[in-house]
Amino acid sequence: MKEDLARIEQFLDALWLERNLAENTLSAYRRDLTMVVEWLHHRESSLVSVSGEDLQALLAERQTGGYKATSTARLLSAVRRFFPAPLSGENSSG
């Protein structure tokens, strides 16, 4: 899990450098992606081994779990930026 959290920080640093995103956006992405790591950890998975099916299951849980649509949309945005391959049906590149 420690390695996954380090990957998130590297990703956020790159976003900050490349896209100059606002600190609020970066903080929201950090929260959302940390939640994804915790969700995966409870399922004995990680960022390296995540599949598109895993991410779809997470999003389905969010949609049926009473979360606000805006929160789920933000999570989806963070996930799409971090995991472009699993969501497009390709293999994860890490």
N, C-alpha and C. Protein backbone atom coordinates (compact mmCIF):
# COMPACT_ATOMS: atom_id res chain seq x y z
N MET A 1 0.83 -1.19 0.00
CA MET A 1 0.00 0.00 0.00
C MET A 1 0.87 1.25 0.00
N LYS A 2 2.01 1.17 0.67
CA LYS A 2 2.92 2.31 0.72
C LYS A 2 3.39 2.69 -0.69
N GLU A 3 3.69 1.66 -1.49
CA GLU A 3 4.14 1.92 -2.86
C GLU A 3 3.04 2.59 -3.68
N ASP A 4 1.81 2.16 -3.46
CA ASP A 4 0.68 2.76 -4.18
C ASP A 4 0.52 4.24 -3.83
N LEU A 5 0.66 4.55 -2.55
CA LEU A 5 0.54 5.95 -2.13
C LEU A 5 1.67 6.79 -2.70
N ALA A 6 2.87 6.21 -2.81
CA ALA A 6 3.99 6.92 -3.42
C ALA A 6 3.72 7.16 -4.91
N ARG A 7 3.11 6.19 -5.58
CA ARG A 7 2.75 6.37 -7.00
C ARG A 7 1.76 7.52 -7.17
N ILE A 8 0.82 7.61 -6.25
CA ILE A 8 -0.16 8.70 -6.31
C ILE A 8 0.55 10.04 -6.18
N GLU A 9 1.47 10.15 -5.24
CA GLU A 9 2.19 11.41 -5.05
C GLU A 9 3.01 11.77 -6.29
N GLN A 10 3.65 10.77 -6.91
CA GLN A 10 4.40 11.02 -8.14
C GLN A 10 3.47 11.51 -9.25
N PHE A 11 2.32 10.89 -9.36
CA PHE A 11 1.32 11.28 -10.35
C PHE A 11 0.86 12.72 -10.12
N LEU A 12 0.57 13.05 -8.86
CA LEU A 12 0.10 14.40 -8.55
C LEU A 12 1.18 15.44 -8.80
N ASP A 13 2.43 15.10 -8.49
CA ASP A 13 3.54 16.01 -8.79
C ASP A 13 3.63 16.27 -10.29
N ALA A 14 3.49 15.21 -11.07
CA ALA A 14 3.55 15.36 -12.53
C ALA A 14 2.38 16.21 -13.03
N LEU A 15 1.20 15.98 -12.49
CA LEU A 15 0.04 16.80 -12.88
C LEU A 15 0.28 18.27 -12.56
N TRP A 16 0.83 18.52 -11.39
CA TRP A 16 1.08 19.90 -10.99
C TRP A 16 2.07 20.55 -11.94
N LEU A 17 3.13 19.82 -12.29
CA LEU A 17 4.15 20.38 -13.19
C LEU A 17 3.64 20.55 -14.62
N GLU A 18 2.93 19.55 -15.12
CA GLU A 18 2.50 19.55 -16.52
C GLU A 18 1.24 20.36 -16.76
N ARG A 19 0.31 20.32 -15.83
CA ARG A 19 -1.02 20.92 -16.05
C ARG A 19 -1.28 22.15 -15.19
N ASN A 20 -0.41 22.37 -14.20
CA ASN A 20 -0.57 23.50 -13.29
C ASN A 20 -1.97 23.53 -12.67
N LEU A 21 -2.42 22.35 -12.21
CA LEU A 21 -3.75 22.27 -11.60
C LEU A 21 -3.78 22.98 -10.25
N ALA A 22 -4.94 23.46 -9.89
CA ALA A 22 -5.12 24.15 -8.61
C ALA A 22 -4.89 23.18 -7.45
N GLU A 23 -4.44 23.70 -6.33
CA GLU A 23 -4.19 22.88 -5.15
C GLU A 23 -5.46 22.16 -4.70
N ASN A 24 -6.61 22.82 -4.81
CA ASN A 24 -7.87 22.17 -4.44
C ASN A 24 -8.14 20.93 -5.31
N THR A 25 -7.85 21.04 -6.59
CA THR A 25 -8.04 19.90 -7.49
C THR A 25 -7.08 18.78 -7.13
N LEU A 26 -5.82 19.13 -6.90
CA LEU A 26 -4.83 18.12 -6.52
C LEU A 26 -5.21 17.44 -5.21
N SER A 27 -5.70 18.21 -4.25
CA SER A 27 -6.12 17.63 -2.96
C SER A 27 -7.30 16.69 -3.15
N ALA A 28 -8.24 17.08 -3.99
CA ALA A 28 -9.40 16.22 -4.26
C ALA A 28 -8.95 14.93 -4.95
N TYR A 29 -8.06 15.04 -5.92
CA TYR A 29 -7.53 13.84 -6.58
C TYR A 29 -6.81 12.96 -5.57
N ARG A 30 -6.03 13.56 -4.69
CA ARG A 30 -5.31 12.79 -3.67
C ARG A 30 -6.29 12.01 -2.81
N ARG A 31 -7.34 12.67 -2.34
CA ARG A 31 -8.36 11.99 -1.52
C ARG A 31 -9.01 10.85 -2.28
N ASP A 32 -9.41 11.14 -3.50
CA ASP A 32 -10.10 10.13 -4.30
C ASP A 32 -9.20 8.93 -4.61
N LEU A 33 -7.97 9.20 -5.02
CA LEU A 33 -7.07 8.10 -5.36
C LEU A 33 -6.63 7.32 -4.13
N THR A 34 -6.51 7.99 -3.00
CA THR A 34 -6.20 7.28 -1.75
C THR A 34 -7.36 6.36 -1.38
N MET A 35 -8.57 6.82 -1.59
CA MET A 35 -9.74 5.98 -1.35
C MET A 35 -9.71 4.76 -2.27
N VAL A 36 -9.30 4.95 -3.53
CA VAL A 36 -9.20 3.83 -4.46
C VAL A 36 -8.18 2.82 -3.95
N VAL A 37 -7.03 3.30 -3.48
CA VAL A 37 -6.00 2.41 -2.95
C VAL A 37 -6.54 1.62 -1.76
N GLU A 38 -7.24 2.28 -0.86
CA GLU A 38 -7.81 1.59 0.29
C GLU A 38 -8.84 0.55 -0.16
N TRP A 39 -9.66 0.90 -1.12
CA TRP A 39 -10.66 -0.02 -1.65
C TRP A 39 -9.97 -1.24 -2.26
N LEU A 40 -8.93 -1.00 -3.05
CA LEU A 40 -8.19 -2.11 -3.65
C LEU A 40 -7.51 -2.96 -2.59
N HIS A 41 -6.92 -2.32 -1.60
CA HIS A 41 -6.21 -3.03 -0.53
C HIS A 41 -7.16 -4.00 0.19
N HIS A 42 -8.38 -3.58 0.44
CA HIS A 42 -9.36 -4.45 1.09
C HIS A 42 -9.73 -5.64 0.21
N ARG A 43 -9.49 -5.52 -1.07
CA ARG A 43 -9.77 -6.60 -2.01
C ARG A 43 -8.49 -7.33 -2.42
N GLU A 44 -7.43 -7.10 -1.64
CA GLU A 44 -6.13 -7.73 -1.87
C GLU A 44 -5.60 -7.45 -3.28
N SER A 45 -5.75 -6.21 -3.71
CA SER A 45 -5.26 -5.78 -5.00
C SER A 45 -4.42 -4.52 -4.80
N SER A 46 -3.90 -3.98 -5.89
CA SER A 46 -3.07 -2.78 -5.81
C SER A 46 -3.18 -2.00 -7.11
N LEU A 47 -2.54 -0.85 -7.15
CA LEU A 47 -2.56 -0.03 -8.36
C LEU A 47 -1.90 -0.76 -9.53
N VAL A 48 -0.91 -1.58 -9.24
CA VAL A 48 -0.19 -2.28 -10.30
C VAL A 48 -1.03 -3.39 -10.91
N SER A 49 -1.86 -4.04 -10.09
CA SER A 49 -2.62 -5.19 -10.58
C SER A 49 -4.09 -4.89 -10.85
N VAL A 50 -4.49 -3.64 -10.75
CA VAL A 50 -5.90 -3.28 -10.94
C VAL A 50 -6.34 -3.56 -12.38
N SER A 51 -7.58 -3.97 -12.51
CA SER A 51 -8.15 -4.22 -13.84
C SER A 51 -9.28 -3.23 -14.11
N GLY A 52 -9.67 -3.17 -15.35
CA GLY A 52 -10.82 -2.34 -15.70
C GLY A 52 -12.08 -2.78 -14.97
N GLU A 53 -12.21 -4.09 -14.78
CA GLU A 53 -13.37 -4.62 -14.05
C GLU A 53 -13.37 -4.14 -12.61
N ASP A 54 -12.18 -4.09 -11.98
CA ASP A 54 -12.08 -3.57 -10.61
C ASP A 54 -12.59 -2.14 -10.54
N LEU A 55 -12.13 -1.32 -11.47
CA LEU A 55 -12.51 0.09 -11.46
C LEU A 55 -13.99 0.27 -11.76
N GLN A 56 -14.52 -0.55 -12.65
CA GLN A 56 -15.95 -0.48 -12.93
C GLN A 56 -16.76 -0.88 -11.71
N ALA A 57 -16.28 -1.88 -10.96
CA ALA A 57 -16.97 -2.30 -9.73
C ALA A 57 -16.97 -1.19 -8.70
N LEU A 58 -15.83 -0.51 -8.57
CA LEU A 58 -15.74 0.62 -7.63
C LEU A 58 -16.73 1.71 -8.01
N LEU A 59 -16.75 2.08 -9.27
CA LEU A 59 -17.66 3.13 -9.72
C LEU A 59 -19.12 2.72 -9.56
N ALA A 60 -19.42 1.46 -9.79
CA ALA A 60 -20.80 0.97 -9.60
C ALA A 60 -21.19 1.07 -8.13
N GLU A 61 -20.26 0.72 -7.23
CA GLU A 61 -20.53 0.84 -5.79
C GLU A 61 -20.81 2.29 -5.42
N ARG A 62 -20.05 3.19 -6.00
CA ARG A 62 -20.26 4.61 -5.70
C ARG A 62 -21.63 5.08 -6.19
N GLN A 63 -21.99 4.66 -7.37
CA GLN A 63 -23.27 5.10 -7.94
C GLN A 63 -24.46 4.58 -7.15
N THR A 64 -24.35 3.37 -6.62
CA THR A 64 -25.47 2.80 -5.87
C THR A 64 -25.35 3.04 -4.37
N GLY A 65 -24.24 3.63 -3.94
CA GLY A 65 -23.98 3.80 -2.51
C GLY A 65 -24.43 5.12 -1.92
N GLY A 66 -25.15 5.90 -2.68
CA GLY A 66 -25.67 7.15 -2.14
C GLY A 66 -24.71 8.32 -2.21
N TYR A 67 -23.62 8.18 -2.95
CA TYR A 67 -22.68 9.29 -3.10
C TYR A 67 -23.25 10.31 -4.08
N LYS A 68 -22.90 11.56 -3.88
CA LYS A 68 -23.35 12.61 -4.79
C LYS A 68 -22.77 12.36 -6.18
N ALA A 69 -23.54 12.71 -7.18
CA ALA A 69 -23.10 12.54 -8.57
C ALA A 69 -21.83 13.34 -8.84
N THR A 70 -21.71 14.52 -8.24
CA THR A 70 -20.52 15.35 -8.46
C THR A 70 -19.28 14.69 -7.87
N SER A 71 -19.42 14.03 -6.72
CA SER A 71 -18.28 13.33 -6.11
C SER A 71 -17.85 12.15 -6.96
N THR A 72 -18.82 11.42 -7.48
CA THR A 72 -18.50 10.28 -8.33
C THR A 72 -17.88 10.75 -9.64
N ALA A 73 -18.35 11.86 -10.18
CA ALA A 73 -17.78 12.41 -11.41
C ALA A 73 -16.34 12.83 -11.20
N ARG A 74 -16.05 13.44 -10.06
CA ARG A 74 -14.67 13.85 -9.76
C ARG A 74 -13.79 12.62 -9.60
N LEU A 75 -14.30 11.59 -8.92
CA LEU A 75 -13.55 10.34 -8.77
C LEU A 75 -13.26 9.75 -10.14
N LEU A 76 -14.25 9.73 -11.01
CA LEU A 76 -14.07 9.20 -12.35
C LEU A 76 -13.00 9.99 -13.11
N SER A 77 -12.99 11.29 -12.96
CA SER A 77 -11.98 12.12 -13.60
C SER A 77 -10.58 11.76 -13.11
N ALA A 78 -10.42 11.61 -11.80
CA ALA A 78 -9.12 11.24 -11.23
C ALA A 78 -8.70 9.85 -11.71
N VAL A 79 -9.63 8.92 -11.71
CA VAL A 79 -9.34 7.55 -12.12
C VAL A 79 -8.96 7.50 -13.60
N ARG A 80 -9.66 8.26 -14.43
CA ARG A 80 -9.35 8.27 -15.87
C ARG A 80 -7.96 8.85 -16.13
N ARG A 81 -7.58 9.84 -15.37
CA ARG A 81 -6.24 10.40 -15.55
C ARG A 81 -5.16 9.42 -15.08
N PHE A 82 -5.44 8.75 -13.97
CA PHE A 82 -4.44 7.85 -13.40
C PHE A 82 -4.39 6.51 -14.11
N PHE A 83 -5.53 6.00 -14.55
CA PHE A 83 -5.64 4.67 -15.16
C PHE A 83 -6.21 4.75 -16.58
N PRO A 84 -5.55 5.40 -17.51
CA PRO A 84 -6.16 5.50 -18.84
C PRO A 84 -6.32 4.15 -19.53
N ALA A 85 -5.39 3.22 -19.34
CA ALA A 85 -5.45 1.94 -20.04
C ALA A 85 -6.57 1.03 -19.55
N PRO A 86 -6.72 0.78 -18.22
CA PRO A 86 -7.80 -0.13 -17.80
C PRO A 86 -9.19 0.33 -18.21
N LEU A 87 -9.41 1.62 -18.24
CA LEU A 87 -10.74 2.11 -18.60
C LEU A 87 -11.00 2.03 -20.09
N SER A 88 -9.93 1.97 -20.88
CA SER A 88 -10.12 1.85 -22.33
C SER A 88 -10.11 0.40 -22.78
N GLY A 89 -9.90 -0.53 -21.82
CA GLY A 89 -9.90 -1.95 -22.14
C GLY A 89 -8.53 -2.50 -22.46
N GLU A 90 -7.48 -1.67 -22.37
CA GLU A 90 -6.12 -2.13 -22.61
C GLU A 90 -5.52 -2.61 -21.30
N ASN A 91 -4.32 -3.18 -21.38
CA ASN A 91 -3.62 -3.60 -20.17
C ASN A 91 -3.08 -2.40 -19.43
N SER A 92 -3.00 -2.51 -18.09
CA SER A 92 -2.47 -1.43 -17.26
C SER A 92 -0.98 -1.31 -17.46
N SER A 93 -0.50 -0.07 -17.54
CA SER A 93 0.94 0.15 -17.65
C SER A 93 1.52 0.59 -16.33
N GLY A 94 0.71 0.65 -15.28
CA GLY A 94 1.19 0.98 -13.94
C GLY A 94 0.98 2.36 -13.66
